[in-house]
Amino acid sequence: MNSRYWIVPIIFVLLTCESDDICPESTQTTPRIVITFYDINNPNEKKNVESLGIYTVNDGQINIIEGFDGINTDSIAIPLRDDEFESNFKLSKDFSDATVIPSGQTNHVYFNYEINEIFVSRACGFINNYNLSLALPYDPADTSDPTSWISDIIILNDSITNENLSHVKILH
C-alpha cells in the first residue's frame, strides 16, 4: 500500500485534536493540607517528630498512609477527603510497623472544611480547593478523655489552594 494514503488520516487526527484534549503534567492538582510541627516550648521553632506514622480514619476503618510509616520530619502534606467535609487522622509518634493498629504515642487530628470544586479543562477535569474552618487535636465525636502528645493545633492559612504554604501548625 502506498504511504501517501496514510498521510490524510494522520493529518485529520492532528487537526481535530484540541489543546485541551491532553492534560499537561504542569496542571495544578488538588492540593494536600500542609502541616508543620513546632516546639511547644519555643513556638517559633520547627521541631521534628521522630518516627511518625499517619493513619486515615474513614468510617471506622484505620489505614496507614503509604510513605508515612516511620518518617522523621518537621512537616507533612497529606490529602483531605473530597467526599466528606471532614477528615480524621491518627498521628503516631514513635511509630512501629510491627502491628497494623496504630502504635507508639497516638493522637487523633480532626479537620473540618468546605470543598470548592474548580473546573480546570475538559482533559484535566476538576480539582478541589478547601477552606479550613476547624482543626482539633482530638475527635469531637469521641467523648472519652483524649490522651495527647500534641498540645495545640493552629490554623495558619485557612485557604488550601496550593502546597507552597503551611496551612496548619502543630505544637508538640
C-alpha atoms as a PDB file:
ATOM      1  CA  MET A   1       0.000   0.000   0.000  1.00  0.00           C
ATOM      2  CA  ASN A   2       1.220   3.456  -0.839  1.00  0.00           C
ATOM      3  CA  SER A   3       2.364   5.504   2.172  1.00  0.00           C
ATOM      4  CA  ARG A   4       0.792   8.751   0.929  1.00  0.00           C
ATOM      5  CA  TYR A   5      -2.703   7.348   1.684  1.00  0.00           C
ATOM      6  CA  TRP A   6      -1.820   7.269   5.387  1.00  0.00           C
ATOM      7  CA  ILE A   7      -0.926  10.950   5.470  1.00  0.00           C
ATOM      8  CA  VAL A   8      -4.513  12.185   5.074  1.00  0.00           C
ATOM      9  CA  PRO A   9      -5.904  10.292   8.142  1.00  0.00           C
ATOM     10  CA  ILE A  10      -2.935  11.332  10.271  1.00  0.00           C
ATOM     11  CA  ILE A  11      -3.348  14.995   9.330  1.00  0.00           C
ATOM     12  CA  PHE A  12      -7.089  14.745  10.015  1.00  0.00           C
ATOM     13  CA  VAL A  13      -6.468  13.321  13.512  1.00  0.00           C
ATOM     14  CA  LEU A  14      -3.891  16.003  14.307  1.00  0.00           C
ATOM     15  CA  LEU A  15      -6.171  18.798  13.122  1.00  0.00           C
ATOM     16  CA  THR A  16      -9.200  17.556  15.082  1.00  0.00           C
ATOM     17  CA  CYS A  17      -7.343  17.328  18.413  1.00  0.00           C
ATOM     18  CA  GLU A  18      -7.902  20.350  20.586  1.00  0.00           C
ATOM     19  CA  SER A  19      -5.364  21.754  23.002  1.00  0.00           C
ATOM     20  CA  ASP A  20      -7.479  20.707  25.980  1.00  0.00           C
ATOM     21  CA  ASP A  21      -7.681  17.049  24.930  1.00  0.00           C
ATOM     22  CA  ILE A  22      -4.422  16.356  26.776  1.00  0.00           C
ATOM     23  CA  CYS A  23      -3.869  17.403  30.377  1.00  0.00           C
ATOM     24  CA  PRO A  24      -0.330  18.783  30.784  1.00  0.00           C
ATOM     25  CA  GLU A  25       1.742  17.427  33.674  1.00  0.00           C
ATOM     26  CA  SER A  26       2.231  21.001  34.870  1.00  0.00           C
ATOM     27  CA  THR A  27      -1.504  21.394  35.574  1.00  0.00           C
ATOM     28  CA  GLN A  28      -2.277  22.064  39.222  1.00  0.00           C
ATOM     29  CA  THR A  29      -3.891  19.159  41.070  1.00  0.00           C
ATOM     30  CA  THR A  30      -5.967  19.061  44.245  1.00  0.00           C
ATOM     31  CA  PRO A  31      -3.648  20.358  46.978  1.00  0.00           C
ATOM     32  CA  ARG A  32      -2.906  18.452  50.148  1.00  0.00           C
ATOM     33  CA  ILE A  33      -3.004  20.082  53.565  1.00  0.00           C
ATOM     34  CA  VAL A  34       0.486  21.097  54.710  1.00  0.00           C
ATOM     35  CA  ILE A  35       1.143  20.583  58.421  1.00  0.00           C
ATOM     36  CA  THR A  36       4.267  21.909  60.127  1.00  0.00           C
ATOM     37  CA  PHE A  37       5.369  20.730  63.578  1.00  0.00           C
ATOM     38  CA  TYR A  38       6.717  23.210  66.145  1.00  0.00           C
ATOM     39  CA  ASP A  39       8.276  23.019  69.591  1.00  0.00           C
ATOM     40  CA  ILE A  40       5.736  23.682  72.361  1.00  0.00           C
ATOM     41  CA  ASN A  41       8.483  25.349  74.435  1.00  0.00           C
ATOM     42  CA  ASN A  42       9.578  27.588  71.550  1.00  0.00           C
ATOM     43  CA  PRO A  43       6.513  28.042  69.284  1.00  0.00           C
ATOM     44  CA  ASN A  44       8.507  29.766  66.512  1.00  0.00           C
ATOM     45  CA  GLU A  45      10.973  26.901  66.125  1.00  0.00           C
ATOM     46  CA  LYS A  46      10.197  23.851  63.978  1.00  0.00           C
ATOM     47  CA  LYS A  47      10.613  20.505  65.692  1.00  0.00           C
ATOM     48  CA  ASN A  48      10.926  17.071  64.101  1.00  0.00           C
ATOM     49  CA  VAL A  49       8.537  14.295  65.002  1.00  0.00           C
ATOM     50  CA  GLU A  50      10.536  11.110  65.400  1.00  0.00           C
ATOM     51  CA  SER A  51       9.262   8.002  63.629  1.00  0.00           C
ATOM     52  CA  LEU A  52       5.909   9.461  62.544  1.00  0.00           C
ATOM     53  CA  GLY A  53       3.173   7.185  61.245  1.00  0.00           C
ATOM     54  CA  ILE A  54      -0.058   8.624  59.818  1.00  0.00           C
ATOM     55  CA  TYR A  55      -3.337   6.756  59.520  1.00  0.00           C
ATOM     56  CA  THR A  56      -6.575   7.810  57.853  1.00  0.00           C
ATOM     57  CA  VAL A  57      -9.746   7.171  59.808  1.00  0.00           C
ATOM     58  CA  ASN A  58     -12.661   6.587  57.415  1.00  0.00           C
ATOM     59  CA  ASP A  59     -15.963   5.087  58.520  1.00  0.00           C
ATOM     60  CA  GLY A  60     -14.325   3.275  61.434  1.00  0.00           C
ATOM     61  CA  GLN A  61     -11.527   1.876  59.260  1.00  0.00           C
ATOM     62  CA  ILE A  62      -7.928   2.817  60.081  1.00  0.00           C
ATOM     63  CA  ASN A  63      -5.359   2.637  57.263  1.00  0.00           C
ATOM     64  CA  ILE A  64      -1.732   3.759  57.182  1.00  0.00           C
ATOM     65  CA  ILE A  65      -0.926   6.396  54.545  1.00  0.00           C
ATOM     66  CA  GLU A  66       1.773   4.996  52.297  1.00  0.00           C
ATOM     67  CA  GLY A  67       5.068   6.811  52.756  1.00  0.00           C
ATOM     68  CA  PHE A  68       4.175   7.928  56.295  1.00  0.00           C
ATOM     69  CA  ASP A  69       5.222   4.845  58.179  1.00  0.00           C
ATOM     70  CA  GLY A  70       8.051   5.837  60.478  1.00  0.00           C
ATOM     71  CA  ILE A  71       9.493   9.036  58.990  1.00  0.00           C
ATOM     72  CA  ASN A  72      11.398  11.766  60.847  1.00  0.00           C
ATOM     73  CA  THR A  73      10.087  15.158  59.716  1.00  0.00           C
ATOM     74  CA  ASP A  74       9.019  18.646  60.750  1.00  0.00           C
ATOM     75  CA  SER A  75       6.363  18.974  58.029  1.00  0.00           C
ATOM     76  CA  ILE A  76       3.979  16.810  56.028  1.00  0.00           C
ATOM     77  CA  ALA A  77       1.465  17.180  53.197  1.00  0.00           C
ATOM     78  CA  ILE A  78      -1.491  14.799  53.380  1.00  0.00           C
ATOM     79  CA  PRO A  79      -4.675  14.562  51.299  1.00  0.00           C
ATOM     80  CA  LEU A  80      -8.028  15.626  52.693  1.00  0.00           C
ATOM     81  CA  ARG A  81     -11.155  13.655  51.867  1.00  0.00           C
ATOM     82  CA  ASP A  82     -13.083  15.027  48.906  1.00  0.00           C
ATOM     83  CA  ASP A  83     -16.269  13.037  49.552  1.00  0.00           C
ATOM     84  CA  GLU A  84     -16.876  14.487  53.043  1.00  0.00           C
ATOM     85  CA  PHE A  85     -16.468  17.863  54.715  1.00  0.00           C
ATOM     86  CA  GLU A  86     -14.189  16.438  57.367  1.00  0.00           C
ATOM     87  CA  SER A  87     -11.036  14.345  57.577  1.00  0.00           C
ATOM     88  CA  ASN A  88      -9.788  12.324  60.520  1.00  0.00           C
ATOM     89  CA  PHE A  89      -6.243  11.126  61.044  1.00  0.00           C
ATOM     90  CA  LYS A  90      -4.281   9.356  63.729  1.00  0.00           C
ATOM     91  CA  LEU A  91      -0.711  10.590  64.043  1.00  0.00           C
ATOM     92  CA  SER A  92       1.601   8.158  65.808  1.00  0.00           C
ATOM     93  CA  LYS A  93       4.877   9.381  67.250  1.00  0.00           C
ATOM     94  CA  ASP A  94       7.458   6.607  67.852  1.00  0.00           C
ATOM     95  CA  PHE A  95       5.627   4.518  65.247  1.00  0.00           C
ATOM     96  CA  SER A  96       6.375   0.812  64.867  1.00  0.00           C
ATOM     97  CA  ASP A  97       5.239  -1.200  61.867  1.00  0.00           C
ATOM     98  CA  ALA A  98       5.118  -4.407  63.893  1.00  0.00           C
ATOM     99  CA  THR A  99       1.329  -4.134  64.083  1.00  0.00           C
ATOM    100  CA  VAL A 100      -1.483  -2.991  61.787  1.00  0.00           C
ATOM    101  CA  ILE A 101      -3.133  -0.925  64.524  1.00  0.00           C
ATOM    102  CA  PRO A 102      -1.685   2.476  65.451  1.00  0.00           C
ATOM    103  CA  SER A 103       1.350   2.065  67.688  1.00  0.00           C
ATOM    104  CA  GLY A 104       3.554   4.454  69.643  1.00  0.00           C
ATOM    105  CA  GLN A 105       2.063   7.634  71.088  1.00  0.00           C
ATOM    106  CA  THR A 106      -1.082   8.188  69.020  1.00  0.00           C
ATOM    107  CA  ASN A 107      -3.035  11.417  68.706  1.00  0.00           C
ATOM    108  CA  HIS A 108      -6.266  11.974  66.782  1.00  0.00           C
ATOM    109  CA  VAL A 109      -6.338  15.007  64.451  1.00  0.00           C
ATOM    110  CA  TYR A 110      -9.616  16.310  63.038  1.00  0.00           C
ATOM    111  CA  PHE A 111     -10.207  18.814  60.207  1.00  0.00           C
ATOM    112  CA  ASN A 112     -13.495  20.365  59.082  1.00  0.00           C
ATOM    113  CA  TYR A 113     -13.661  22.345  55.814  1.00  0.00           C
ATOM    114  CA  GLU A 114     -15.634  23.469  52.786  1.00  0.00           C
ATOM    115  CA  ILE A 115     -14.855  21.923  49.398  1.00  0.00           C
ATOM    116  CA  ASN A 116     -14.660  24.204  46.359  1.00  0.00           C
ATOM    117  CA  GLU A 117     -14.736  22.244  43.113  1.00  0.00           C
ATOM    118  CA  ILE A 118     -12.915  24.026  40.265  1.00  0.00           C
ATOM    119  CA  PHE A 119     -13.149  23.097  36.585  1.00  0.00           C
ATOM    120  CA  VAL A 120      -9.668  23.036  35.027  1.00  0.00           C
ATOM    121  CA  SER A 121     -10.340  21.819  31.481  1.00  0.00           C
ATOM    122  CA  ARG A 122     -12.042  19.053  29.548  1.00  0.00           C
ATOM    123  CA  ALA A 123      -8.949  16.871  29.657  1.00  0.00           C
ATOM    124  CA  CYS A 124      -7.947  17.619  33.242  1.00  0.00           C
ATOM    125  CA  GLY A 125     -11.420  17.674  34.766  1.00  0.00           C
ATOM    126  CA  PHE A 126     -11.935  19.165  38.217  1.00  0.00           C
ATOM    127  CA  ILE A 127      -9.726  19.841  41.216  1.00  0.00           C
ATOM    128  CA  ASN A 128     -10.761  20.681  44.753  1.00  0.00           C
ATOM    129  CA  ASN A 129      -9.624  23.552  46.910  1.00  0.00           C
ATOM    130  CA  TYR A 130     -10.564  23.685  50.575  1.00  0.00           C
ATOM    131  CA  ASN A 131     -11.497  26.339  53.126  1.00  0.00           C
ATOM    132  CA  LEU A 132     -10.413  25.047  56.503  1.00  0.00           C
ATOM    133  CA  SER A 133     -12.799  26.010  59.308  1.00  0.00           C
ATOM    134  CA  LEU A 134     -11.725  23.803  62.224  1.00  0.00           C
ATOM    135  CA  ALA A 135      -8.624  21.873  63.303  1.00  0.00           C
ATOM    136  CA  LEU A 136      -8.663  19.878  66.548  1.00  0.00           C
ATOM    137  CA  PRO A 137      -6.132  17.601  68.303  1.00  0.00           C
ATOM    138  CA  TYR A 138      -8.939  15.175  69.163  1.00  0.00           C
ATOM    139  CA  ASP A 139     -12.026  13.565  67.635  1.00  0.00           C
ATOM    140  CA  PRO A 140     -15.058  15.744  68.534  1.00  0.00           C
ATOM    141  CA  ALA A 141     -17.311  12.671  68.349  1.00  0.00           C
ATOM    142  CA  ASP A 142     -15.216  10.820  70.963  1.00  0.00           C
ATOM    143  CA  THR A 143     -16.463  11.526  74.487  1.00  0.00           C
ATOM    144  CA  SER A 144     -13.542   9.824  76.243  1.00  0.00           C
ATOM    145  CA  ASP A 145     -10.676  11.850  77.695  1.00  0.00           C
ATOM    146  CA  PRO A 146      -8.132  12.176  74.871  1.00  0.00           C
ATOM    147  CA  THR A 147      -4.510  11.326  75.576  1.00  0.00           C
ATOM    148  CA  SER A 148      -2.246  13.516  73.603  1.00  0.00           C
ATOM    149  CA  TRP A 149       1.330  14.261  72.545  1.00  0.00           C
ATOM    150  CA  ILE A 150       0.007  17.206  70.519  1.00  0.00           C
ATOM    151  CA  SER A 151      -0.525  20.288  72.682  1.00  0.00           C
ATOM    152  CA  ASP A 152      -2.273  22.541  70.183  1.00  0.00           C
ATOM    153  CA  ILE A 153      -3.245  22.971  66.533  1.00  0.00           C
ATOM    154  CA  ILE A 154      -3.301  26.431  64.974  1.00  0.00           C
ATOM    155  CA  ILE A 155      -4.714  27.253  61.538  1.00  0.00           C
ATOM    156  CA  LEU A 156      -2.143  29.424  59.753  1.00  0.00           C
ATOM    157  CA  ASN A 157      -3.791  29.601  56.346  1.00  0.00           C
ATOM    158  CA  ASP A 158      -7.423  28.525  56.017  1.00  0.00           C
ATOM    159  CA  SER A 159      -7.422  28.625  52.208  1.00  0.00           C
ATOM    160  CA  ILE A 160      -5.910  25.407  50.844  1.00  0.00           C
ATOM    161  CA  THR A 161      -5.246  26.202  47.187  1.00  0.00           C
ATOM    162  CA  ASN A 162      -1.619  25.057  46.874  1.00  0.00           C
ATOM    163  CA  GLU A 163       1.125  23.271  48.787  1.00  0.00           C
ATOM    164  CA  ASN A 164       3.549  26.213  48.898  1.00  0.00           C
ATOM    165  CA  LEU A 165       2.466  27.405  52.354  1.00  0.00           C
ATOM    166  CA  SER A 166       1.921  25.689  55.654  1.00  0.00           C
ATOM    167  CA  HIS A 167      -1.781  25.546  56.464  1.00  0.00           C
ATOM    168  CA  VAL A 168      -1.628  24.188  59.992  1.00  0.00           C
ATOM    169  CA  LYS A 169       0.855  24.475  62.862  1.00  0.00           C
ATOM    170  CA  ILE A 170       1.004  21.618  65.373  1.00  0.00           C
ATOM    171  CA  LEU A 171       2.721  22.281  68.681  1.00  0.00           C
ATOM    172  CA  HIS A 172       4.252  19.291  70.467  1.00  0.00           C
END
